[in-house]
Protein backbone atom coordinates (compact mmCIF):
# COMPACT_ATOMS: atom_id res chain seq x y z
CA UNK A 1 122.17 159.70 50.83
CA UNK A 2 122.20 162.78 48.42
CA UNK A 3 126.08 162.89 48.78
CA UNK A 4 126.44 159.38 47.41
CA UNK A 5 124.32 160.30 44.19
CA UNK A 6 126.62 160.44 41.18
CA UNK A 7 123.91 161.16 38.59
CA UNK A 8 120.41 162.49 39.05
CA UNK A 9 118.06 162.91 36.13
CA UNK A 10 114.71 164.40 37.13
CA UNK A 11 111.56 164.85 34.86
CA UNK A 12 113.66 165.14 31.75
CA UNK A 13 111.77 165.41 28.26
CA UNK A 14 113.07 166.04 24.87
CA UNK A 15 111.45 166.24 21.53
CA UNK A 16 112.67 166.22 17.86
CA UNK A 17 110.04 168.49 16.39
CA UNK A 18 106.82 166.77 17.10
CA UNK A 19 108.45 163.51 18.04
CA UNK A 20 109.00 162.92 21.75
CA UNK A 21 112.18 161.05 22.42
CA UNK A 22 112.13 161.28 26.14
CA UNK A 23 109.03 161.64 28.31
CA UNK A 24 109.42 162.78 31.95
CA UNK A 25 112.34 160.41 32.58
CA UNK A 26 113.60 160.31 36.18
CA UNK A 27 116.33 158.08 37.87
CA UNK A 28 119.48 158.35 40.00
CA UNK A 29 122.60 156.35 40.15
CA UNK A 30 124.70 155.89 43.31
CA UNK A 31 128.34 155.80 43.80
CA UNK A 32 129.51 152.12 43.30
CA UNK A 33 126.37 151.35 41.54
CA UNK A 34 126.51 149.74 37.99
CA UNK A 35 123.31 150.55 36.03
CA UNK A 36 122.46 148.82 32.82
CA UNK A 37 120.33 150.85 30.46
CA UNK A 38 118.27 148.64 28.13
CA UNK A 39 115.92 149.57 25.46
CA UNK A 40 114.81 148.72 21.79
CA UNK A 41 116.23 150.84 19.03
CA UNK A 42 114.74 154.20 19.02
CA UNK A 43 113.68 154.05 22.73
CA UNK A 44 115.68 157.18 23.58
CA UNK A 45 119.07 155.83 24.92
CA UNK A 46 121.21 157.86 22.57
CA UNK A 47 119.19 161.03 23.35
CA UNK A 48 119.54 160.47 26.97
CA UNK A 49 123.32 160.20 26.71
CA UNK A 50 123.45 163.22 24.51
CA UNK A 51 121.74 165.18 27.28
CA UNK A 52 123.93 163.94 29.93
CA UNK A 53 127.00 164.85 28.07
CA UNK A 54 125.71 168.15 27.06
CA UNK A 55 125.77 167.39 23.32
CA UNK A 56 122.20 168.51 23.61
CA UNK A 57 120.63 171.16 25.85
CA UNK A 58 117.97 169.95 28.28
CA UNK A 59 114.88 172.00 27.59
CA UNK A 60 112.68 170.19 30.28
CA UNK A 61 113.69 168.80 33.55
CA UNK A 62 117.11 168.82 35.35
CA UNK A 63 120.35 166.66 35.28
CA UNK A 64 122.96 166.79 38.03
CA UNK A 65 126.41 165.20 38.13
CA UNK A 66 128.03 164.96 41.50
CA UNK A 67 125.48 167.57 42.67
CA UNK A 68 126.41 169.97 40.07
CA UNK A 69 123.63 171.26 37.65
CA UNK A 70 124.65 170.24 34.21
CA UNK A 71 123.26 173.52 32.70
CA UNK A 72 124.31 176.01 35.30
CA UNK A 73 127.64 174.49 36.37
CA UNK A 74 128.55 172.72 33.06
CA UNK A 75 132.44 172.73 33.56
CA UNK A 76 132.24 171.38 37.10
CA UNK A 77 129.62 168.79 36.29
CA UNK A 78 131.43 167.32 33.16
CA UNK A 79 134.75 167.28 35.08
CA UNK A 80 133.30 164.35 36.98
CA UNK A 81 132.24 162.37 33.88
CA UNK A 82 134.05 159.83 31.88
CA UNK A 83 132.75 158.62 28.50
CA UNK A 84 133.34 155.66 26.05
CA UNK A 85 131.27 156.08 23.00
CA UNK A 86 130.04 153.23 20.81
CA UNK A 87 132.22 154.42 17.77
CA UNK A 88 136.00 154.69 18.66
CA UNK A 89 137.34 158.33 19.11
CA UNK A 90 140.90 157.28 19.33
CA UNK A 91 143.53 158.70 16.81
CA UNK A 92 144.73 155.56 15.10
CA UNK A 93 148.09 157.16 13.99
CA UNK A 94 149.16 158.14 17.43
CA UNK A 95 150.41 155.82 20.15
CA UNK A 96 148.56 154.66 23.07
CA UNK A 97 150.57 157.00 25.24
CA UNK A 98 150.14 159.93 22.92
CA UNK A 99 146.29 159.54 22.93
CA UNK A 100 146.17 159.37 26.69
CA UNK A 101 148.64 162.38 26.99
CA UNK A 102 146.41 164.45 24.75
CA UNK A 103 143.37 163.55 26.89
CA UNK A 104 145.20 164.24 30.17
CA UNK A 105 146.23 167.73 28.79
CA UNK A 106 142.58 168.65 27.94
CA UNK A 107 141.88 168.06 31.65
CA UNK A 108 144.76 170.33 32.71
CA UNK A 109 146.95 167.48 34.33
CA UNK A 110 150.56 168.22 34.79
CA UNK A 111 152.92 166.09 32.88
CA UNK A 112 154.14 164.29 35.98
CA UNK A 113 150.43 163.54 37.07
CA UNK A 114 149.45 162.39 33.52
CA UNK A 115 152.46 160.00 33.39
CA UNK A 116 151.47 158.51 36.65
CA UNK A 117 147.76 158.18 35.94
CA UNK A 118 148.40 156.71 32.50
CA UNK A 119 150.79 154.17 34.06
CA UNK A 120 148.21 153.19 36.72
CA UNK A 121 145.31 152.79 34.28
CA UNK A 122 147.32 150.94 31.59
CA UNK A 123 148.84 148.53 34.16
CA UNK A 124 145.23 147.78 35.45
CA UNK A 125 144.41 146.81 31.94
CA UNK A 126 147.48 144.95 31.18
CA UNK A 127 148.49 147.43 28.34
CA UNK A 128 151.46 149.24 29.92
CA UNK A 129 154.01 147.36 27.82
CA UNK A 130 152.17 148.41 24.74
CA UNK A 131 151.93 152.07 25.50
CA UNK A 132 154.27 153.12 22.61
CA UNK A 133 152.36 151.00 19.85
CA UNK A 134 150.11 152.82 17.54
CA UNK A 135 146.47 152.30 18.40
CA UNK A 136 145.90 150.80 14.90
CA UNK A 137 148.10 147.97 15.77
CA UNK A 138 145.79 146.99 18.58
CA UNK A 139 142.77 144.57 18.21
CA UNK A 140 139.31 145.70 18.96
CA UNK A 141 139.28 144.57 22.74
CA UNK A 142 142.68 146.37 23.44
CA UNK A 143 141.34 149.62 21.68
CA UNK A 144 138.34 149.52 24.04
CA UNK A 145 140.55 149.12 27.01
CA UNK A 146 142.59 152.19 25.97
CA UNK A 147 139.40 154.12 25.67
CA UNK A 148 138.27 153.03 29.11
CA UNK A 149 141.77 153.97 30.46
CA UNK A 150 141.35 157.33 28.88
CA UNK A 151 137.91 157.83 30.33
CA UNK A 152 139.26 157.15 33.93
CA UNK A 153 142.31 159.33 33.71
CA UNK A 154 140.80 162.23 35.48
CA UNK A 155 139.25 160.02 38.19
CA UNK A 156 135.49 160.69 37.16
CA UNK A 157 132.71 159.93 39.53
CA UNK A 158 130.60 158.61 36.68
CA UNK A 159 131.37 156.48 33.70
CA UNK A 160 129.06 156.39 30.72
CA UNK A 161 129.41 153.37 28.32
CA UNK A 162 127.52 153.46 25.13
CA UNK A 163 127.49 149.88 23.93
CA UNK A 164 131.28 149.53 24.23
CA UNK A 165 131.65 145.79 23.52
CA UNK A 166 129.76 146.01 20.01
CA UNK A 167 131.67 144.00 17.60
CA UNK A 168 134.19 142.39 20.07
CA UNK A 169 134.77 138.64 20.34
CA UNK A 170 133.38 136.86 23.43
CA UNK A 171 136.50 136.67 25.49
CA UNK A 172 137.27 140.41 24.89
CA UNK A 173 133.81 141.31 25.78
CA UNK A 174 133.63 139.28 29.08
CA UNK A 175 136.97 140.77 30.18
CA UNK A 176 135.65 144.26 29.77
CA UNK A 177 132.36 143.38 31.34
CA UNK A 178 134.27 141.91 34.38
CA UNK A 179 136.62 144.80 34.57
CA UNK A 180 134.00 147.48 34.74
CA UNK A 181 131.97 145.81 37.28
CA UNK A 182 135.26 145.29 39.39
CA UNK A 183 135.91 149.03 39.03
CA UNK A 184 132.52 150.01 40.28
CA UNK A 185 132.76 147.97 43.43
CA UNK A 186 136.48 148.79 44.21
CA UNK A 187 136.60 152.40 43.46
CA UNK A 188 132.91 153.35 44.21
CA UNK A 189 132.47 154.39 40.47
CA UNK A 190 129.09 155.01 39.29
CA UNK A 191 128.49 153.36 35.87
CA UNK A 192 125.69 153.95 33.31
CA UNK A 193 126.04 151.27 30.68
CA UNK A 194 123.83 151.28 27.65
CA UNK A 195 123.57 147.69 26.27
CA UNK A 196 121.45 145.30 24.21
CA UNK A 197 123.27 142.02 25.47
CA UNK A 198 121.69 140.45 28.41
CA UNK A 199 124.81 138.42 29.45
CA UNK A 200 126.51 141.69 30.31
CA UNK A 201 124.16 142.13 33.31
CA UNK A 202 125.28 141.02 36.72
CA UNK A 203 122.88 139.72 39.36
CA UNK A 204 123.55 142.72 41.65
CA UNK A 205 123.23 145.39 38.84
CA UNK A 206 120.69 148.08 38.73
CA UNK A 207 118.36 148.04 35.68
CA UNK A 208 116.83 150.88 33.63
CA UNK A 209 114.52 149.77 30.83
CA UNK A 210 113.49 152.48 28.47
CA UNK A 211 110.83 152.23 25.80
CA UNK A 212 109.10 154.92 23.77
CA UNK A 213 110.98 157.52 25.81
CA UNK A 214 109.65 156.44 29.07
CA UNK A 215 111.16 154.45 32.07
CA UNK A 216 109.37 151.04 32.10
CA UNK A 217 111.44 149.70 34.86
CA UNK A 218 113.89 151.13 37.45
CA UNK A 219 115.26 148.82 40.16
CA UNK A 220 117.59 145.90 40.95
CA UNK A 221 117.57 142.77 38.78
CA UNK A 222 115.61 140.86 41.47
CA UNK A 223 112.99 143.69 41.60
CA UNK A 224 112.52 143.91 37.96
CA UNK A 225 112.07 140.03 37.67
CA UNK A 226 109.58 140.03 40.47
CA UNK A 227 107.48 143.05 39.04
CA UNK A 228 107.24 141.17 35.72
CA UNK A 229 106.81 137.64 37.04
CA UNK A 230 109.95 136.57 35.06
CA UNK A 231 112.87 134.32 35.79
CA UNK A 232 115.25 135.93 33.09
CA UNK A 233 116.04 139.53 32.36
CA UNK A 234 115.38 138.84 28.64
CA UNK A 235 111.84 137.70 29.45
CA UNK A 236 111.28 140.88 31.68
CA UNK A 237 112.69 143.04 28.86
CA UNK A 238 110.35 141.53 26.19
CA UNK A 239 107.29 141.83 28.47
CA UNK A 240 107.99 145.52 29.30
CA UNK A 241 108.75 146.53 25.53
CA UNK A 242 106.44 144.20 23.67
CA UNK A 243 104.20 147.24 22.56
CA UNK A 244 107.15 149.02 21.07
CA UNK A 245 108.48 146.09 19.25
CA UNK A 246 105.02 144.97 17.95
């Protein structure tokens, strides 16, 4: 089973001065598993992502990516990570192809391999014909698709998504949700998706509910609903986070 664990977070705590942002957080994500991370504002989601991506050091606990310790084997660990941040990080004045070429070069890909991977990812997202357009010419949904393609170029084992559908129209949002879930199943890609939109959750997803820096629920949708005696994820979420939102 350990070979199939893409991300392991064990007893991780983090504080900003005297304010504890994360308190003994532990969970794991398996290959092919789509895990939705839910939590009110200030629950610790952004801090958790910052620790996983090594923007912050991990003072307490341990994080492993594909079995690599993120502190001791940082380069090997991060090589298996793909990220889509909430705020776009694409260069608007470069073309889609140029943005992806730059990312491929950062990962040390040969020009031939980069060309192949870029074509594969853009074709999957129906964007290959637009590869020479400047990013600023794309709508919000297509920009997000380019960012997902970029995150997948180096074939990561774990994809981190930080509320990637914020500000998108409903069809664009639904298309991205469907695509990511399909990727997880078909390519055995582990996904950790921070969201506040309940309709982005599929019935076979795994749920992590974070509140006041602590894990309040960790299980399948069915398990979380049963444990809170709820019929909808929104009701379970409200029940588990009511103290923080009061």
